[in-house]
């Protein structure tokens, strides 16, 4: 008997090695961009190397490939495009009026023609799609630099981007702690987790008329935030952090939302759209019936167990996982002080007069150190384990605020920010940040003088898509480090404890009464999810996080190796933007018209 082999999971690919480059040419003076865009659109059906170059990148977001793919160069793009054009027979392809423009980004001189398009497919199911064409001038000819195609909706199956509020949602009533949905235990979809990611998917499913329940382990919506340390604020903007559909946080809320702001917004979203959330309820185990293509879920509510059935499970159990990473150090038993992870930390108010040490210099580490300073600890020291990328909030605002703000609908903002191929978005961000930092040297020099090793030309996408953090979005603590209010220990490696504090590899020591480890969390959701499934199912599931060789997120918002199970998470924009595609895939499957996935690797096939 041949022993079955385990499925091969998609390997992570270094984001720095993804193919693709920013253009080095410019649009000639006096060019009218509209005829350029119209000519390009007219030639898409017969795409060939007169329009495509070795640098062309096509990113498809569920429109033609049935999944999310990024193909690079003529050898990959042309055969895939021709096959999928033949399969889907796009029609009614038009340029969006008023969308054609010449883009001239800051930095080295370069420019391109950009046009938004719409089209429909003629296959089953018929799809409503949009796209973006970016066209560069290359040796007297025009070439497609990047081409984006994106699924907007499924004709006849509802509008994923519009959800009607329930009639009396503003009537004051408590959220139901457990479902009262007529005793039914059969559902189209079960979403596990009522944080940002789970609520986004649940909202989109509601918009599409899919019967879904959300299992939330906590006693109330938003407790995933209020259980964190008291001073938590989202370092990004209020506009960037919105949920789908109507805005939950208006101008009356602060720019950086706090934990109670988030709780209010999440609860408002659940009430406004009538989402069926089962509080204090956990998933215990899932069993797959291959014949019925149905999951049987054992769930627990306040110590009582019951079973429900569903076609689909969406796991939204934490964007970066829920398991704290805690380094193992020597001689822990010799230290008489307090040691905890930032996951257990709430406030520094009871530590006034003590010596505080924070291990880790990313966002949470800075927050905790700032708390300690405000609480009046006799000394506050951050232990830095490696050079830390620092992004001043002013840089963030210059990049993001023109796109995410109180005037532009968040779905429009996501369509601008989230569709660009990863390699190109990364390079654009690095160019902008480097340009800002080159004019702001003293900010970083002062940090270095204080002993803080700052990465001033940070690789934002490396932090977001590979490290899942590890950077600091500076909302004001850096200047306290520069001024010496918060001390730094960055010249040696932490190896263990002493009776009165910490020991380092150069023999130096650091006195401490309280040590908080802000050392992050396990980022692979598959490891946290494995307890919900039998081994046979678990072994088929993809890893979660880091990108594949095309720059797309592994395991996110697409089939992950077993029918009817999905991962969602990431930062707020990823959860919101990609959650809509996940809901559309579930709706299509329930209607008996599942997406046909293009999985070929054209360039490899030619070798």
Protein backbone atom coordinates (compact mmCIF):
# COMPACT_ATOMS: atom_id res chain seq x y z
CA UNK A 1 0.00 0.00 0.00
CA UNK A 2 1.29 3.44 -0.93
CA UNK A 3 1.35 5.73 2.06
CA UNK A 4 -0.46 9.01 1.26
CA UNK A 5 1.77 12.05 1.28
CA UNK A 6 0.97 15.16 3.24
CA UNK A 7 -0.19 18.15 1.22
CA UNK A 8 2.57 20.66 0.52
CA UNK A 9 1.86 24.03 2.05
CA UNK A 10 2.69 27.16 0.12
CA UNK A 11 6.15 28.38 1.18
CA UNK A 12 6.69 31.96 2.28
CA UNK A 13 8.54 34.12 -0.23
CA UNK A 14 10.76 37.09 0.71
CA UNK A 15 8.85 40.26 -0.07
CA UNK A 16 12.10 41.99 -0.99
CA UNK A 17 12.61 39.53 -3.87
CA UNK A 18 9.21 39.94 -5.52
CA UNK A 19 9.56 40.96 -9.18
CA UNK A 20 8.43 44.39 -10.27
CA UNK A 21 9.83 47.89 -10.39
CA UNK A 22 8.67 51.48 -10.48
CA UNK A 23 8.83 53.05 -13.95
CA UNK A 24 11.79 55.22 -14.87
CA UNK A 25 10.19 56.99 -17.83
CA UNK A 26 7.77 59.91 -17.99
CA UNK A 27 4.73 60.81 -20.05
CA UNK A 28 5.84 63.23 -22.79
CA UNK A 29 4.72 66.84 -22.48
CA UNK A 30 1.47 67.75 -24.18
CA UNK A 31 0.03 64.22 -24.21
CA UNK A 32 -3.74 63.81 -23.90
CA UNK A 33 -4.08 60.70 -21.67
CA UNK A 34 -7.61 59.76 -22.81
CA UNK A 35 -6.69 58.47 -26.31
CA UNK A 36 -3.80 56.54 -24.76
CA UNK A 37 -6.16 54.79 -22.34
CA UNK A 38 -8.79 54.17 -25.03
CA UNK A 39 -6.23 52.57 -27.35
CA UNK A 40 -4.96 50.34 -24.53
CA UNK A 41 -8.49 49.22 -23.63
CA UNK A 42 -9.30 48.38 -27.25
CA UNK A 43 -6.29 46.05 -27.45
CA UNK A 44 -6.90 44.04 -24.29
CA UNK A 45 -8.75 41.22 -26.05
CA UNK A 46 -5.74 40.44 -28.24
CA UNK A 47 -3.14 41.13 -25.60
CA UNK A 48 0.41 40.55 -26.88
CA UNK A 49 3.94 41.86 -26.50
CA UNK A 50 3.12 45.06 -28.36
CA UNK A 51 1.29 46.13 -25.20
CA UNK A 52 2.93 43.90 -22.60
CA UNK A 53 6.58 44.02 -21.56
CA UNK A 54 8.82 41.96 -19.30
CA UNK A 55 7.97 44.45 -16.53
CA UNK A 56 4.17 44.27 -16.83
CA UNK A 57 2.30 43.10 -13.74
CA UNK A 58 -1.29 41.89 -13.76
CA UNK A 59 -3.06 41.54 -10.44
CA UNK A 60 -6.46 39.86 -10.50
CA UNK A 61 -8.69 40.11 -7.46
CA UNK A 62 -11.22 37.29 -7.97
CA UNK A 63 -12.50 38.70 -11.29
CA UNK A 64 -11.06 36.24 -13.81
CA UNK A 65 -8.83 33.85 -11.84
CA UNK A 66 -11.48 33.04 -9.20
CA UNK A 67 -8.93 33.90 -6.53
CA UNK A 68 -6.23 36.51 -5.96
CA UNK A 69 -3.23 36.21 -8.28
CA UNK A 70 -0.38 38.47 -9.38
CA UNK A 71 1.38 37.55 -12.62
CA UNK A 72 4.58 39.19 -13.78
CA UNK A 73 5.97 39.63 -17.26
CA UNK A 74 4.74 38.73 -20.74
CA UNK A 75 5.58 35.03 -20.30
CA UNK A 76 3.12 34.79 -17.42
CA UNK A 77 0.54 37.43 -18.27
CA UNK A 78 -0.19 36.75 -21.94
CA UNK A 79 -1.09 33.02 -21.81
CA UNK A 80 -3.10 33.41 -18.60
CA UNK A 81 -4.96 36.46 -19.93
CA UNK A 82 -5.82 34.81 -23.25
CA UNK A 83 -7.13 31.64 -21.62
CA UNK A 84 -9.20 33.49 -19.04
CA UNK A 85 -10.52 35.97 -21.60
CA UNK A 86 -11.67 33.00 -23.65
CA UNK A 87 -13.25 31.34 -20.60
CA UNK A 88 -15.07 34.41 -19.29
CA UNK A 89 -15.75 36.37 -22.50
CA UNK A 90 -15.65 39.87 -20.93
CA UNK A 91 -18.11 42.35 -22.42
CA UNK A 92 -19.10 45.99 -21.98
CA UNK A 93 -15.56 47.05 -21.10
CA UNK A 94 -15.58 50.80 -20.66
CA UNK A 95 -13.43 53.55 -19.23
CA UNK A 96 -14.98 55.15 -16.16
CA UNK A 97 -15.80 58.76 -17.09
CA UNK A 98 -13.45 61.27 -15.51
CA UNK A 99 -10.99 58.64 -14.28
CA UNK A 100 -8.20 59.08 -16.83
CA UNK A 101 -5.25 61.12 -15.59
CA UNK A 102 -1.49 61.45 -15.62
CA UNK A 103 0.04 60.46 -12.29
CA UNK A 104 3.27 62.15 -11.18
CA UNK A 105 4.35 60.74 -7.79
CA UNK A 106 6.84 62.52 -5.50
CA UNK A 107 10.48 61.52 -5.78
CA UNK A 108 12.58 60.87 -8.87
CA UNK A 109 10.91 62.12 -12.09
CA UNK A 110 8.49 59.54 -13.46
CA UNK A 111 4.85 59.50 -14.55
CA UNK A 112 2.21 57.30 -16.14
CA UNK A 113 -1.29 57.34 -17.56
CA UNK A 114 -3.92 55.83 -15.27
CA UNK A 115 -7.48 54.84 -16.15
CA UNK A 116 -10.27 53.04 -14.30
CA UNK A 117 -12.40 50.59 -16.25
CA UNK A 118 -15.50 48.44 -15.79
CA UNK A 119 -16.57 45.23 -17.52
CA UNK A 120 -18.75 42.14 -17.12
CA UNK A 121 -18.07 38.48 -17.72
CA UNK A 122 -20.31 36.14 -19.70
CA UNK A 123 -19.54 32.92 -17.83
CA UNK A 124 -21.29 31.22 -14.93
CA UNK A 125 -21.73 32.99 -12.63
CA UNK A 126 -21.79 36.32 -14.51
CA UNK A 127 -19.54 38.78 -12.72
CA UNK A 128 -19.48 42.56 -12.45
CA UNK A 129 -15.89 43.77 -12.48
CA UNK A 130 -13.70 46.84 -12.41
CA UNK A 131 -10.07 47.52 -13.13
CA UNK A 132 -7.19 49.96 -13.25
CA UNK A 133 -4.78 50.36 -16.16
CA UNK A 134 -1.43 52.08 -15.62
CA UNK A 135 0.35 52.80 -18.88
CA UNK A 136 3.94 54.00 -19.33
CA UNK A 137 5.74 55.51 -22.30
CA UNK A 138 8.50 53.17 -23.43
CA UNK A 139 10.75 53.91 -26.43
CA UNK A 140 8.15 55.71 -28.51
CA UNK A 141 5.42 53.21 -27.63
CA UNK A 142 2.92 52.76 -24.81
CA UNK A 143 3.09 49.68 -22.57
CA UNK A 144 0.94 48.39 -19.75
CA UNK A 145 2.93 48.72 -16.55
CA UNK A 146 0.31 47.38 -14.13
CA UNK A 147 -3.16 46.05 -14.81
CA UNK A 148 -5.67 45.45 -12.01
CA UNK A 149 -8.90 43.50 -12.48
CA UNK A 150 -11.27 43.24 -9.52
CA UNK A 151 -14.56 41.52 -8.78
CA UNK A 152 -17.27 43.97 -7.74
CA UNK A 153 -20.23 41.62 -7.50
CA UNK A 154 -22.12 38.63 -8.84
CA UNK A 155 -24.97 39.53 -11.15
CA UNK A 156 -28.31 38.63 -9.55
CA UNK A 157 -26.88 37.58 -6.17
CA UNK A 158 -27.15 40.82 -4.23
CA UNK A 159 -24.89 43.80 -3.55
CA UNK A 160 -22.08 42.96 -1.17
CA UNK A 161 -21.34 46.65 -0.58
CA UNK A 162 -24.79 47.70 0.61
CA UNK A 163 -26.49 46.48 3.76
CA UNK A 164 -29.75 47.95 4.97
CA UNK A 165 -29.94 48.79 8.69
CA UNK A 166 -32.66 46.99 10.61
CA UNK A 167 -35.70 49.20 11.07
CA UNK A 168 -35.55 49.76 14.83
CA UNK A 169 -31.84 49.32 15.44
CA UNK A 170 -31.64 52.57 17.47
CA UNK A 171 -34.12 51.31 20.06
CA UNK A 172 -32.12 50.77 23.24
CA UNK A 173 -31.96 47.08 24.06
CA UNK A 174 -29.19 44.76 25.26
CA UNK A 175 -27.46 42.52 22.78
CA UNK A 176 -28.81 38.99 22.93
CA UNK A 177 -26.27 36.86 24.84
CA UNK A 178 -27.22 33.77 22.85
CA UNK A 179 -29.12 33.17 19.64
CA UNK A 180 -32.90 33.10 19.65
CA UNK A 181 -33.13 32.37 15.91
CA UNK A 182 -36.15 30.06 16.09
CA UNK A 183 -34.12 27.19 17.47
CA UNK A 184 -32.54 26.43 14.11
CA UNK A 185 -29.19 24.69 14.30
CA UNK A 186 -28.44 24.70 10.57
CA UNK A 187 -26.67 27.72 9.08
CA UNK A 188 -25.04 28.67 5.82
CA UNK A 189 -21.97 30.00 7.60
CA UNK A 190 -20.50 30.22 11.08
CA UNK A 191 -17.98 32.96 11.79
CA UNK A 192 -15.70 32.34 14.77
CA UNK A 193 -14.72 35.65 16.37
CA UNK A 194 -16.53 39.01 16.58
CA UNK A 195 -13.54 41.30 16.27
CA UNK A 196 -12.97 43.56 13.28
CA UNK A 197 -12.34 40.68 10.87
CA UNK A 198 -15.32 38.59 11.92
CA UNK A 199 -17.73 41.52 11.94
CA UNK A 200 -16.65 42.60 8.46
CA UNK A 201 -17.33 39.15 6.99
CA UNK A 202 -20.59 38.82 8.91
CA UNK A 203 -21.74 42.20 7.58
CA UNK A 204 -20.92 41.32 4.00
CA UNK A 205 -22.70 37.96 4.35
CA UNK A 206 -25.74 39.77 5.74
CA UNK A 207 -25.71 42.09 2.71
CA UNK A 208 -25.77 39.03 0.43
CA UNK A 209 -28.61 37.33 2.31
CA UNK A 210 -26.48 34.51 3.71
CA UNK A 211 -27.63 32.93 6.97
CA UNK A 212 -24.68 33.39 9.31
CA UNK A 213 -24.03 33.33 13.04
CA UNK A 214 -20.98 34.69 14.82
CA UNK A 215 -19.51 32.84 17.78
CA UNK A 216 -17.84 35.24 20.24
CA UNK A 217 -16.00 33.85 23.25
CA UNK A 218 -16.29 37.09 25.23
CA UNK A 219 -19.30 38.30 27.23
CA UNK A 220 -19.82 41.44 25.13
CA UNK A 221 -18.88 42.86 21.75
CA UNK A 222 -15.62 44.81 21.92
CA UNK A 223 -14.24 42.96 24.92
CA UNK A 224 -11.32 41.85 22.75
CA UNK A 225 -10.24 45.52 23.01
CA UNK A 226 -11.33 46.42 26.54
CA UNK A 227 -9.45 43.39 27.90
CA UNK A 228 -6.23 44.92 26.60
CA UNK A 229 -4.23 47.55 28.48
CA UNK A 230 -6.20 50.66 29.37
CA UNK A 231 -4.20 53.13 27.28
CA UNK A 232 -4.57 51.27 23.97
CA UNK A 233 -5.30 53.53 21.04
CA UNK A 234 -5.22 52.65 17.38
CA UNK A 235 -2.10 54.36 16.06
CA UNK A 236 -3.63 54.69 12.59
CA UNK A 237 -6.52 57.02 11.84
CA UNK A 238 -10.21 56.84 12.65
CA UNK A 239 -11.04 56.95 8.93
CA UNK A 240 -8.66 54.07 8.18
CA UNK A 241 -10.25 51.91 10.89
CA UNK A 242 -13.89 52.10 9.77
CA UNK A 243 -16.11 49.04 9.40
CA UNK A 244 -17.96 48.48 6.07
CA UNK A 245 -21.08 50.38 4.98
CA UNK A 246 -22.03 53.38 7.17
CA UNK A 247 -19.36 55.09 9.27
CA UNK A 248 -19.40 53.92 12.87
CA UNK A 249 -17.07 56.69 14.06
CA UNK A 250 -17.81 60.25 12.98
CA UNK A 251 -15.77 63.45 13.42
CA UNK A 252 -16.84 63.65 17.07
CA UNK A 253 -14.49 60.71 17.80
CA UNK A 254 -10.72 61.21 18.24
CA UNK A 255 -8.28 60.71 15.38
CA UNK A 256 -6.77 57.74 17.25
CA UNK A 257 -9.63 55.55 18.51
CA UNK A 258 -9.41 54.22 22.06
CA UNK A 259 -10.71 50.95 23.47
CA UNK A 260 -14.10 52.31 24.48
CA UNK A 261 -14.51 54.03 21.11
CA UNK A 262 -13.87 50.70 19.41
CA UNK A 263 -16.31 48.89 21.69
CA UNK A 264 -19.03 51.45 20.94
CA UNK A 265 -18.47 51.21 17.20
CA UNK A 266 -18.46 47.41 17.12
CA UNK A 267 -21.65 47.21 19.18
CA UNK A 268 -23.32 49.84 17.02
CA UNK A 269 -22.42 47.85 13.88
CA UNK A 270 -23.93 44.64 15.27
CA UNK A 271 -27.16 46.42 16.27
CA UNK A 272 -27.47 48.51 13.11
CA UNK A 273 -27.26 45.53 10.77
CA UNK A 274 -28.90 42.94 13.01
CA UNK A 275 -25.99 40.52 13.08
CA UNK A 276 -26.61 37.24 14.90
CA UNK A 277 -23.81 37.12 17.46
CA UNK A 278 -23.72 34.40 20.10
CA UNK A 279 -21.85 35.79 23.10
CA UNK A 280 -19.86 33.75 25.64
CA UNK A 281 -19.77 30.98 23.05
CA UNK A 282 -16.74 29.04 21.87
CA UNK A 283 -16.06 26.52 19.14
CA UNK A 284 -14.91 23.22 20.62
CA UNK A 285 -14.57 20.90 17.63
CA UNK A 286 -15.52 20.65 13.96
CA UNK A 287 -16.32 17.46 12.06
CA UNK A 288 -16.62 17.32 8.27
CA UNK A 289 -19.20 15.17 6.48
CA UNK A 290 -17.76 14.72 2.99
CA UNK A 291 -20.96 13.22 1.59
CA UNK A 292 -23.19 16.05 2.82
CA UNK A 293 -20.42 18.65 2.48
CA UNK A 294 -21.41 19.97 5.88
CA UNK A 295 -19.64 20.73 9.13
CA UNK A 296 -20.99 19.61 12.48
CA UNK A 297 -19.74 21.98 15.17
CA UNK A 298 -19.61 21.27 18.86
CA UNK A 299 -19.92 24.59 20.64
CA UNK A 300 -19.97 25.60 24.31
CA UNK A 301 -21.97 28.38 25.94
CA UNK A 302 -21.40 29.05 29.65
CA UNK A 303 -20.55 25.42 30.27
CA UNK A 304 -23.39 23.98 28.18
CA UNK A 305 -22.56 22.14 24.96
CA UNK A 306 -24.66 21.86 21.82
CA UNK A 307 -24.13 21.05 18.15
CA UNK A 308 -24.92 23.09 15.07
CA UNK A 309 -24.37 22.46 11.37
CA UNK A 310 -23.01 24.72 8.66
CA UNK A 311 -21.67 24.66 5.11
CA UNK A 312 -18.85 27.10 5.84
CA UNK A 313 -16.64 28.06 8.79
CA UNK A 314 -14.79 31.38 8.77
CA UNK A 315 -12.05 31.61 11.38
CA UNK A 316 -11.50 35.19 12.55
CA UNK A 317 -9.63 34.32 15.72
CA UNK A 318 -7.05 37.10 15.77
CA UNK A 319 -5.20 38.98 13.06
CA UNK A 320 -1.80 37.95 14.34
CA UNK A 321 -2.83 34.96 16.39
CA UNK A 322 -3.66 34.95 20.10
CA UNK A 323 -0.67 33.13 21.57
CA UNK A 324 1.88 35.46 23.22
CA UNK A 325 5.54 35.01 22.34
CA UNK A 326 7.54 34.89 25.56
CA UNK A 327 11.31 34.34 25.42
CA UNK A 328 12.73 31.71 27.75
CA UNK A 329 15.50 33.22 29.86
CA UNK A 330 17.82 31.71 32.45
CA UNK A 331 17.32 31.92 36.24
CA UNK A 332 13.73 33.13 36.26
CA UNK A 333 13.28 31.69 39.75
CA UNK A 334 15.97 33.98 41.15
CA UNK A 335 14.11 37.19 40.28
CA UNK A 336 11.66 38.32 42.95
CA UNK A 337 9.96 41.01 40.89
CA UNK A 338 6.91 40.91 38.63
CA UNK A 339 7.15 39.46 35.11
CA UNK A 340 4.32 39.53 32.58
CA UNK A 341 3.60 39.68 28.87
CA UNK A 342 1.88 42.72 27.37
CA UNK A 343 -1.14 40.44 26.76
CA UNK A 344 -1.59 40.33 30.57
CA UNK A 345 -0.76 43.99 31.18
CA UNK A 346 -3.57 46.46 32.02
CA UNK A 347 -2.10 49.54 33.71
CA UNK A 348 1.04 50.85 35.43
CA UNK A 349 -0.82 52.96 38.00
CA UNK A 350 -0.02 50.61 40.90
CA UNK A 351 3.73 50.64 40.19
CA UNK A 352 4.51 54.24 41.11
CA UNK A 353 8.04 54.52 42.52
CA UNK A 354 9.18 51.15 41.13
CA UNK A 355 11.80 50.44 38.47
CA UNK A 356 10.10 49.41 35.22
CA UNK A 357 11.62 47.61 32.25
CA UNK A 358 9.95 46.90 28.91
CA UNK A 359 11.38 44.22 26.62
CA UNK A 360 10.57 45.13 23.03
CA UNK A 361 10.42 48.42 21.15
CA UNK A 362 7.48 48.09 18.76
CA UNK A 363 4.07 49.76 19.22
CA UNK A 364 3.02 47.97 22.41
CA UNK A 365 6.44 48.41 23.98
CA UNK A 366 6.28 52.16 23.49
CA UNK A 367 2.73 52.29 24.86
CA UNK A 368 3.68 50.41 28.03
CA UNK A 369 6.83 52.49 28.57
CA UNK A 370 4.80 55.66 28.19
CA UNK A 371 2.26 54.34 30.73
CA UNK A 372 5.07 53.67 33.19
CA UNK A 373 6.42 57.19 32.74
CA UNK A 374 2.98 58.73 33.34
CA UNK A 375 2.40 56.52 36.39
CA UNK A 376 5.51 57.90 38.11
CA UNK A 377 7.83 54.91 38.13
CA UNK A 378 11.27 55.84 39.45
CA UNK A 379 12.87 54.70 36.21
CA UNK A 380 11.63 53.38 32.87
CA UNK A 381 13.97 51.48 30.56
CA UNK A 382 13.26 49.86 27.20
CA UNK A 383 15.40 46.90 26.18
CA UNK A 384 15.91 46.92 22.43
CA UNK A 385 16.72 43.58 20.81
CA UNK A 386 17.27 44.84 17.25
CA UNK A 387 17.06 47.94 15.12
CA UNK A 388 13.44 49.17 15.13
CA UNK A 389 11.70 50.73 12.13
CA UNK A 390 10.11 54.05 13.16
CA UNK A 391 7.35 55.71 11.15
CA UNK A 392 6.43 59.17 12.50
CA UNK A 393 2.69 59.68 12.50
CA UNK A 394 3.18 62.81 10.38
CA UNK A 395 4.56 60.62 7.58
CA UNK A 396 1.60 58.28 7.93
CA UNK A 397 -0.79 61.21 7.69
CA UNK A 398 0.86 62.56 4.55
CA UNK A 399 0.51 59.17 2.84
CA UNK A 400 -2.84 57.93 4.13
CA UNK A 401 -5.00 60.91 5.10
CA UNK A 402 -5.57 62.15 1.52
CA UNK A 403 -7.00 58.68 0.77
CA UNK A 404 -8.68 57.70 4.06
CA UNK A 405 -10.69 60.60 5.46
CA UNK A 406 -14.21 61.61 6.49
CA UNK A 407 -15.20 62.64 2.96
CA UNK A 408 -14.15 59.66 0.82
CA UNK A 409 -16.19 56.43 1.28
CA UNK A 410 -13.96 53.78 2.83
CA UNK A 411 -14.72 51.30 0.02
CA UNK A 412 -13.37 53.85 -2.49
CA UNK A 413 -10.29 54.40 -0.34
CA UNK A 414 -9.65 50.64 -0.16
CA UNK A 415 -10.00 50.43 -3.93
CA UNK A 416 -7.14 52.89 -4.24
CA UNK A 417 -4.85 51.62 -1.51
CA UNK A 418 -5.41 47.86 -1.47
CA UNK A 419 -5.40 46.92 -5.15
CA UNK A 420 -1.83 47.78 -6.19
CA UNK A 421 0.49 44.75 -6.59
CA UNK A 422 2.44 44.17 -3.38
CA UNK A 423 5.88 44.67 -4.90
CA UNK A 424 4.86 48.03 -6.36
CA UNK A 425 2.99 49.24 -3.26
CA UNK A 426 6.04 48.37 -1.17
CA UNK A 427 8.40 50.34 -3.36
CA UNK A 428 6.07 53.34 -3.49
CA UNK A 429 5.85 53.38 0.30
CA UNK A 430 9.61 53.00 0.73
CA UNK A 431 10.26 55.85 -1.70
CA UNK A 432 7.83 58.17 0.11
CA UNK A 433 9.12 57.31 3.60
CA UNK A 434 12.76 57.66 2.53
CA UNK A 435 11.99 61.05 1.02
CA UNK A 436 10.33 62.26 4.24
CA UNK A 437 13.11 60.88 6.47
CA UNK A 438 15.88 62.50 4.41
CA UNK A 439 14.41 65.89 5.33
CA UNK A 440 13.99 64.99 9.01
CA UNK A 441 17.43 63.72 10.07
CA UNK A 442 17.54 65.30 13.53
CA UNK A 443 14.48 63.33 14.68
CA UNK A 444 16.33 60.06 14.11
CA UNK A 445 19.77 61.35 15.10
CA UNK A 446 18.42 62.34 18.52
CA UNK A 447 17.03 58.83 19.01
CA UNK A 448 20.42 57.32 18.14
CA UNK A 449 22.14 59.63 20.64
CA UNK A 450 19.74 58.36 23.31
CA UNK A 451 20.69 54.75 22.52
CA UNK A 452 17.62 53.88 20.41
CA UNK A 453 18.66 52.16 17.18
CA UNK A 454 16.16 53.49 14.65
CA UNK A 455 15.54 52.23 11.13
CA UNK A 456 14.60 55.51 9.48
CA UNK A 457 14.05 54.21 5.93
CA UNK A 458 11.62 51.56 7.03
CA UNK A 459 10.23 48.79 4.83
CA UNK A 460 6.58 49.19 5.81
CA UNK A 461 5.33 46.19 3.85
CA UNK A 462 7.97 43.92 5.36
CA UNK A 463 6.70 44.93 8.79
CA UNK A 464 3.04 44.48 7.86
CA UNK A 465 3.16 41.34 5.70
CA UNK A 466 6.12 39.39 7.07
CA UNK A 467 6.87 40.44 10.65
CA UNK A 468 3.25 41.33 11.49
CA UNK A 469 4.55 44.37 13.32
CA UNK A 470 7.91 44.95 14.91
CA UNK A 471 7.79 48.68 14.07
CA UNK A 472 6.74 51.81 15.91
CA UNK A 473 4.21 54.24 14.47
CA UNK A 474 5.43 57.22 16.46
CA UNK A 475 2.56 59.06 18.11
CA UNK A 476 4.82 60.98 20.49
CA UNK A 477 6.90 58.62 22.61
CA UNK A 478 10.07 58.96 20.52
CA UNK A 479 10.65 62.52 21.72
CA UNK A 480 10.47 61.29 25.34
CA UNK A 481 13.19 58.77 24.54
CA UNK A 482 15.28 61.45 22.86
CA UNK A 483 14.86 63.69 25.89
CA UNK A 484 16.02 60.91 28.23
CA UNK A 485 12.75 60.47 30.12
CA UNK A 486 12.68 56.85 28.93
CA UNK A 487 16.09 55.15 29.04
CA UNK A 488 17.42 52.67 26.52
CA UNK A 489 19.38 49.43 26.87
CA UNK A 490 20.43 48.41 23.37
CA UNK A 491 24.13 47.51 23.59
CA UNK A 492 23.89 43.87 24.69
CA UNK A 493 21.75 40.75 24.38
CA UNK A 494 19.37 39.85 27.21
CA UNK A 495 20.26 36.40 28.56
CA UNK A 496 18.63 35.96 31.96
CA UNK A 497 17.54 37.23 35.33
CA UNK A 498 19.37 38.28 38.49
CA UNK A 499 17.89 38.64 41.98
CA UNK A 500 17.32 42.33 41.33
CA UNK A 501 16.67 42.47 37.60
CA UNK A 502 18.11 41.35 34.27
CA UNK A 503 21.45 40.08 32.98
CA UNK A 504 23.04 40.62 29.56
CA UNK A 505 25.64 38.78 27.50
CA UNK A 506 28.36 41.41 28.12
CA UNK A 507 28.08 40.93 31.88
CA UNK A 508 26.06 44.09 32.45
CA UNK A 509 22.89 44.09 34.58
CA UNK A 510 19.75 46.20 34.81
CA UNK A 511 17.78 46.65 38.04
CA UNK A 512 14.03 46.09 37.75
CA UNK A 513 10.97 45.61 39.93
CA UNK A 514 8.58 45.05 37.02
CA UNK A 515 9.42 43.51 33.63
CA UNK A 516 6.86 43.62 30.81
CA UNK A 517 7.57 41.59 27.68
CA UNK A 518 6.15 43.35 24.63
CA UNK A 519 7.46 40.62 22.36
CA UNK A 520 4.47 39.99 20.12
CA UNK A 521 2.23 37.06 19.30
CA UNK A 522 2.29 33.91 17.22
CA UNK A 523 1.38 35.05 13.70
CA UNK A 524 0.34 31.76 12.07
CA UNK A 525 -3.42 31.40 12.60
CA UNK A 526 -3.31 27.77 11.43
CA UNK A 527 -1.47 26.81 14.62
CA UNK A 528 -4.18 28.39 16.77
CA UNK A 529 -6.91 26.83 14.61
CA UNK A 530 -5.57 23.28 14.66
CA UNK A 531 -7.40 22.44 17.89
CA UNK A 532 -10.75 22.87 16.13
CA UNK A 533 -10.16 20.12 13.55
CA UNK A 534 -9.25 16.48 13.23
CA UNK A 535 -5.67 15.81 12.21
CA UNK A 536 -6.74 14.81 8.71
CA UNK A 537 -8.30 18.23 8.15
CA UNK A 538 -5.59 20.18 9.93
CA UNK A 539 -2.85 18.69 7.77
CA UNK A 540 -4.57 19.98 4.64
CA UNK A 541 -4.85 23.59 5.78
CA UNK A 542 -2.55 26.29 4.49
CA UNK A 543 -0.37 28.38 6.72
CA UNK A 544 -1.60 31.88 7.49
CA UNK A 545 0.47 35.01 6.92
CA UNK A 546 3.53 35.98 4.90
CA UNK A 547 3.29 36.22 1.11
CA UNK A 548 3.71 33.65 -1.63
CA UNK A 549 5.94 34.02 -4.70
CA UNK A 550 3.36 36.34 -6.30
CA UNK A 551 3.12 38.63 -3.28
CA UNK A 552 -0.30 37.39 -2.16
CA UNK A 553 -1.11 36.52 1.43
CA UNK A 554 -0.86 32.83 2.23
CA UNK A 555 -4.06 31.32 3.57
CA UNK A 556 -6.09 34.50 3.48
CA UNK A 557 -9.59 34.92 2.04
CA UNK A 558 -9.32 32.04 -0.45
CA UNK A 559 -9.56 28.23 -0.39
CA UNK A 560 -6.96 26.91 2.04
CA UNK A 561 -6.84 23.18 1.33
CA UNK A 562 -10.17 21.85 2.63
CA UNK A 563 -13.73 22.65 1.53
CA UNK A 564 -15.79 25.04 3.61
CA UNK A 565 -13.12 26.50 5.89
CA UNK A 566 -11.58 29.95 5.56
CA UNK A 567 -9.18 32.29 7.36
CA UNK A 568 -9.64 36.04 7.71
CA UNK A 569 -7.66 38.58 9.69
CA UNK A 570 -4.80 41.00 9.19
CA UNK A 571 -4.89 44.74 9.72
CA UNK A 572 -8.18 46.62 9.56
CA UNK A 573 -7.92 47.48 5.86
CA UNK A 574 -7.10 43.90 4.88
CA UNK A 575 -9.98 42.51 6.94
CA UNK A 576 -12.42 45.01 5.48
CA UNK A 577 -11.23 44.87 1.84
CA UNK A 578 -10.68 41.14 1.47
CA UNK A 579 -13.62 40.15 3.66
CA UNK A 580 -16.00 41.20 0.87
CA UNK A 581 -14.37 38.71 -1.55
CA UNK A 582 -14.62 35.95 1.03
CA UNK A 583 -18.34 36.61 1.42
CA UNK A 584 -18.82 36.58 -2.36
CA UNK A 585 -17.07 33.20 -2.64
CA UNK A 586 -19.31 31.73 0.07
CA UNK A 587 -22.44 33.14 -1.59
CA UNK A 588 -21.46 31.71 -4.99
CA UNK A 589 -20.82 28.28 -3.48
CA UNK A 590 -24.17 28.27 -1.66
CA UNK A 591 -25.91 29.17 -4.94
CA UNK A 592 -24.25 26.25 -6.73
CA UNK A 593 -21.98 28.40 -8.91
CA UNK A 594 -18.60 28.26 -7.13
CA UNK A 595 -15.71 30.24 -8.57
CA UNK A 596 -13.47 28.40 -11.00
CA UNK A 597 -9.93 28.88 -9.79
CA UNK A 598 -7.08 29.43 -12.24
CA UNK A 599 -4.13 27.65 -10.64
CA UNK A 600 -1.73 27.29 -13.56
CA UNK A 601 1.75 28.73 -13.44
CA UNK A 602 2.33 29.63 -17.10
CA UNK A 603 6.02 30.41 -16.93
CA UNK A 604 6.75 27.15 -15.12
CA UNK A 605 4.74 25.22 -17.68
CA UNK A 606 6.97 26.51 -20.44
CA UNK A 607 10.22 25.35 -18.82
